[in-house]
Amino acid sequence: MEGVLEVSNETAAQIKGYIADYGCTLIELPPESWDTSVCIFMKSYWSVMIDLWTKEEGPSDLVLSAHVFEVENGYSIKIELVYVP
């Protein structure tokens, strides 16, 4: 996906494992997911926690943690983890 930085194999495996352990199917985010997601500016990037939704539950306990950097052509996103806080 354009603008999304590649994650390490270790991080990808952790994310995949956490989602599998959670036991539900992630779905595309509906507009209301932004009502509960948060972001904080940290001098050079935005730290974001986006509430994820599943087919079975709707809003889930899972969040996507990422850093968003402003770059020349728009934004660059570094995924940190998907987990239950």
N, C-alpha and C. Protein backbone atom coordinates (compact mmCIF):
# COMPACT_ATOMS: atom_id res chain seq x y z
N MET A 1 0.86 -1.17 0.00
CA MET A 1 0.00 0.00 0.00
C MET A 1 0.90 1.23 0.00
N GLU A 2 0.61 2.16 -0.84
CA GLU A 2 1.42 3.36 -0.98
C GLU A 2 1.45 4.17 0.32
N GLY A 3 2.65 4.56 0.74
CA GLY A 3 2.79 5.36 1.94
C GLY A 3 2.95 4.56 3.23
N VAL A 4 2.68 3.25 3.17
CA VAL A 4 2.82 2.41 4.37
C VAL A 4 4.18 1.71 4.30
N LEU A 5 4.98 1.94 5.33
CA LEU A 5 6.31 1.35 5.39
C LEU A 5 6.22 -0.15 5.70
N GLU A 6 7.17 -0.91 5.18
CA GLU A 6 7.22 -2.34 5.43
C GLU A 6 7.57 -2.60 6.90
N VAL A 7 6.91 -3.57 7.49
CA VAL A 7 7.22 -3.96 8.88
C VAL A 7 8.20 -5.13 8.85
N SER A 8 8.90 -5.32 9.94
CA SER A 8 9.83 -6.44 10.04
C SER A 8 9.05 -7.75 10.04
N ASN A 9 9.72 -8.84 9.70
CA ASN A 9 9.08 -10.16 9.75
C ASN A 9 8.60 -10.48 11.15
N GLU A 10 9.37 -10.07 12.16
CA GLU A 10 9.00 -10.32 13.55
C GLU A 10 7.71 -9.59 13.91
N THR A 11 7.63 -8.30 13.54
CA THR A 11 6.42 -7.53 13.83
C THR A 11 5.22 -8.09 13.07
N ALA A 12 5.43 -8.45 11.82
CA ALA A 12 4.33 -9.03 11.02
C ALA A 12 3.82 -10.32 11.66
N ALA A 13 4.74 -11.14 12.15
CA ALA A 13 4.34 -12.40 12.80
C ALA A 13 3.58 -12.12 14.09
N GLN A 14 4.03 -11.13 14.87
CA GLN A 14 3.32 -10.78 16.10
C GLN A 14 1.90 -10.31 15.79
N ILE A 15 1.77 -9.43 14.81
CA ILE A 15 0.45 -8.91 14.44
C ILE A 15 -0.45 -10.06 13.99
N LYS A 16 0.05 -10.89 13.12
CA LYS A 16 -0.73 -12.03 12.62
C LYS A 16 -1.16 -12.93 13.77
N GLY A 17 -0.25 -13.20 14.70
CA GLY A 17 -0.57 -14.05 15.84
C GLY A 17 -1.62 -13.44 16.76
N TYR A 18 -1.50 -12.13 17.05
CA TYR A 18 -2.46 -11.46 17.92
C TYR A 18 -3.86 -11.48 17.30
N ILE A 19 -3.92 -11.25 15.98
CA ILE A 19 -5.23 -11.25 15.31
C ILE A 19 -5.81 -12.66 15.32
N ALA A 20 -5.00 -13.66 15.05
CA ALA A 20 -5.47 -15.06 15.07
C ALA A 20 -5.95 -15.44 16.46
N ASP A 21 -5.19 -15.07 17.48
CA ASP A 21 -5.57 -15.37 18.86
C ASP A 21 -6.88 -14.68 19.25
N TYR A 22 -7.10 -13.50 18.71
CA TYR A 22 -8.34 -12.76 19.02
C TYR A 22 -9.55 -13.53 18.50
N GLY A 23 -9.39 -14.20 17.36
CA GLY A 23 -10.43 -15.10 16.89
C GLY A 23 -11.57 -14.49 16.10
N CYS A 24 -11.42 -13.27 15.62
CA CYS A 24 -12.46 -12.63 14.83
C CYS A 24 -11.86 -12.12 13.52
N THR A 25 -12.72 -11.81 12.57
CA THR A 25 -12.31 -11.37 11.25
C THR A 25 -12.35 -9.85 11.16
N LEU A 26 -11.19 -9.23 10.89
CA LEU A 26 -11.15 -7.78 10.72
C LEU A 26 -11.93 -7.35 9.48
N ILE A 27 -12.58 -6.19 9.56
CA ILE A 27 -13.31 -5.63 8.42
C ILE A 27 -12.83 -4.21 8.17
N GLU A 28 -13.23 -3.68 7.03
CA GLU A 28 -12.91 -2.29 6.69
C GLU A 28 -13.49 -1.36 7.76
N LEU A 29 -12.75 -0.33 8.08
CA LEU A 29 -13.20 0.60 9.12
C LEU A 29 -14.40 1.42 8.66
N PRO A 30 -15.47 1.43 9.46
CA PRO A 30 -16.59 2.32 9.16
C PRO A 30 -16.24 3.73 9.64
N PRO A 31 -16.92 4.75 9.15
CA PRO A 31 -16.62 6.12 9.57
C PRO A 31 -16.66 6.32 11.09
N GLU A 32 -17.53 5.62 11.80
CA GLU A 32 -17.65 5.83 13.25
C GLU A 32 -16.44 5.33 14.03
N SER A 33 -15.56 4.56 13.40
CA SER A 33 -14.36 4.11 14.10
C SER A 33 -13.48 5.30 14.48
N TRP A 34 -13.59 6.39 13.73
CA TRP A 34 -12.77 7.58 14.02
C TRP A 34 -13.29 8.35 15.23
N ASP A 35 -14.51 8.05 15.69
CA ASP A 35 -15.05 8.73 16.87
C ASP A 35 -14.32 8.33 18.15
N THR A 36 -13.73 7.13 18.17
CA THR A 36 -13.07 6.64 19.39
C THR A 36 -11.56 6.47 19.23
N SER A 37 -11.05 6.64 18.03
CA SER A 37 -9.61 6.53 17.80
C SER A 37 -8.93 7.82 18.26
N VAL A 38 -7.64 7.71 18.61
CA VAL A 38 -6.93 8.88 19.14
C VAL A 38 -5.60 9.10 18.42
N CYS A 39 -5.14 10.35 18.47
CA CYS A 39 -3.83 10.68 17.93
C CYS A 39 -3.22 11.81 18.76
N ILE A 40 -1.90 11.77 18.85
CA ILE A 40 -1.15 12.79 19.60
C ILE A 40 0.05 13.18 18.75
N PHE A 41 0.29 14.48 18.61
CA PHE A 41 1.46 14.93 17.86
C PHE A 41 2.69 14.86 18.75
N MET A 42 3.74 14.24 18.26
CA MET A 42 4.95 13.99 19.04
C MET A 42 6.18 14.68 18.42
N LYS A 43 6.11 15.97 18.16
CA LYS A 43 7.19 16.80 17.61
C LYS A 43 7.47 16.56 16.13
N SER A 44 7.61 15.31 15.70
CA SER A 44 7.93 15.07 14.30
C SER A 44 6.98 14.06 13.63
N TYR A 45 6.01 13.54 14.38
CA TYR A 45 5.07 12.58 13.82
C TYR A 45 3.81 12.53 14.69
N TRP A 46 2.76 11.95 14.13
CA TRP A 46 1.53 11.69 14.87
C TRP A 46 1.57 10.26 15.37
N SER A 47 1.34 10.05 16.65
CA SER A 47 1.18 8.73 17.22
C SER A 47 -0.33 8.44 17.23
N VAL A 48 -0.75 7.37 16.56
CA VAL A 48 -2.18 7.09 16.43
C VAL A 48 -2.52 5.72 17.00
N MET A 49 -3.70 5.62 17.56
CA MET A 49 -4.28 4.34 17.99
C MET A 49 -5.68 4.29 17.37
N ILE A 50 -5.83 3.40 16.41
CA ILE A 50 -7.07 3.31 15.66
C ILE A 50 -7.84 2.08 16.12
N ASP A 51 -9.06 2.29 16.56
CA ASP A 51 -9.92 1.19 16.99
C ASP A 51 -10.33 0.37 15.78
N LEU A 52 -10.10 -0.94 15.85
CA LEU A 52 -10.42 -1.83 14.74
C LEU A 52 -11.79 -2.49 14.94
N TRP A 53 -12.38 -2.89 13.84
CA TRP A 53 -13.71 -3.50 13.84
C TRP A 53 -13.61 -4.91 13.27
N THR A 54 -14.50 -5.78 13.75
CA THR A 54 -14.55 -7.15 13.25
C THR A 54 -15.94 -7.48 12.73
N LYS A 55 -15.97 -8.48 11.87
CA LYS A 55 -17.23 -8.96 11.31
C LYS A 55 -18.17 -9.46 12.41
N GLU A 56 -17.60 -10.13 13.40
CA GLU A 56 -18.41 -10.75 14.44
C GLU A 56 -18.90 -9.78 15.51
N GLU A 57 -18.08 -8.78 15.85
CA GLU A 57 -18.38 -7.90 16.98
C GLU A 57 -18.74 -6.46 16.63
N GLY A 58 -18.38 -6.03 15.45
CA GLY A 58 -18.42 -4.60 15.16
C GLY A 58 -17.18 -4.00 15.81
N PRO A 59 -17.34 -2.99 16.70
CA PRO A 59 -16.16 -2.43 17.35
C PRO A 59 -15.51 -3.49 18.25
N SER A 60 -14.19 -3.65 18.11
CA SER A 60 -13.50 -4.69 18.87
C SER A 60 -12.59 -4.07 19.92
N ASP A 61 -11.91 -4.92 20.65
CA ASP A 61 -10.91 -4.45 21.61
C ASP A 61 -9.55 -4.23 20.96
N LEU A 62 -9.39 -4.66 19.71
CA LEU A 62 -8.12 -4.51 19.00
C LEU A 62 -7.89 -3.07 18.57
N VAL A 63 -6.64 -2.64 18.63
CA VAL A 63 -6.26 -1.33 18.10
C VAL A 63 -5.04 -1.49 17.19
N LEU A 64 -4.94 -0.59 16.25
CA LEU A 64 -3.76 -0.47 15.40
C LEU A 64 -2.97 0.72 15.91
N SER A 65 -1.73 0.47 16.32
CA SER A 65 -0.84 1.52 16.77
C SER A 65 0.12 1.84 15.63
N ALA A 66 0.25 3.12 15.28
CA ALA A 66 1.12 3.51 14.17
C ALA A 66 1.66 4.92 14.39
N HIS A 67 2.71 5.23 13.63
CA HIS A 67 3.26 6.58 13.59
C HIS A 67 3.05 7.11 12.17
N VAL A 68 2.56 8.33 12.08
CA VAL A 68 2.29 8.96 10.78
C VAL A 68 3.21 10.16 10.63
N PHE A 69 4.01 10.13 9.57
CA PHE A 69 4.98 11.19 9.29
C PHE A 69 4.55 11.97 8.06
N GLU A 70 4.70 13.29 8.12
CA GLU A 70 4.45 14.11 6.94
C GLU A 70 5.69 14.05 6.06
N VAL A 71 5.50 13.74 4.79
CA VAL A 71 6.59 13.67 3.82
C VAL A 71 6.25 14.58 2.64
N GLU A 72 7.19 14.72 1.76
CA GLU A 72 7.04 15.65 0.63
C GLU A 72 5.75 15.44 -0.16
N ASN A 73 5.39 14.20 -0.44
CA ASN A 73 4.22 13.91 -1.28
C ASN A 73 2.95 13.60 -0.50
N GLY A 74 2.97 13.73 0.83
CA GLY A 74 1.79 13.39 1.62
C GLY A 74 2.18 12.87 2.98
N TYR A 75 1.95 11.57 3.21
CA TYR A 75 2.21 10.97 4.51
C TYR A 75 2.86 9.60 4.36
N SER A 76 3.62 9.23 5.37
CA SER A 76 4.24 7.92 5.46
C SER A 76 3.77 7.31 6.79
N ILE A 77 3.37 6.05 6.75
CA ILE A 77 2.81 5.40 7.93
C ILE A 77 3.70 4.23 8.33
N LYS A 78 4.10 4.24 9.60
CA LYS A 78 4.89 3.14 10.16
C LYS A 78 4.01 2.39 11.17
N ILE A 79 3.59 1.20 10.81
CA ILE A 79 2.77 0.38 11.70
C ILE A 79 3.64 -0.14 12.84
N GLU A 80 3.16 0.06 14.06
CA GLU A 80 3.88 -0.42 15.23
C GLU A 80 3.38 -1.79 15.66
N LEU A 81 2.06 -1.92 15.85
CA LEU A 81 1.50 -3.19 16.32
C LEU A 81 -0.02 -3.17 16.24
N VAL A 82 -0.61 -4.34 16.20
CA VAL A 82 -2.05 -4.51 16.38
C VAL A 82 -2.19 -5.37 17.63
N TYR A 83 -2.96 -4.88 18.60
CA TYR A 83 -3.04 -5.58 19.89
C TYR A 83 -4.25 -5.12 20.68
N VAL A 84 -4.50 -5.79 21.80
CA VAL A 84 -5.52 -5.36 22.76
C VAL A 84 -4.79 -4.63 23.88
N PRO A 85 -5.05 -3.34 24.04
CA PRO A 85 -4.33 -2.58 25.10
C PRO A 85 -4.77 -3.00 26.50
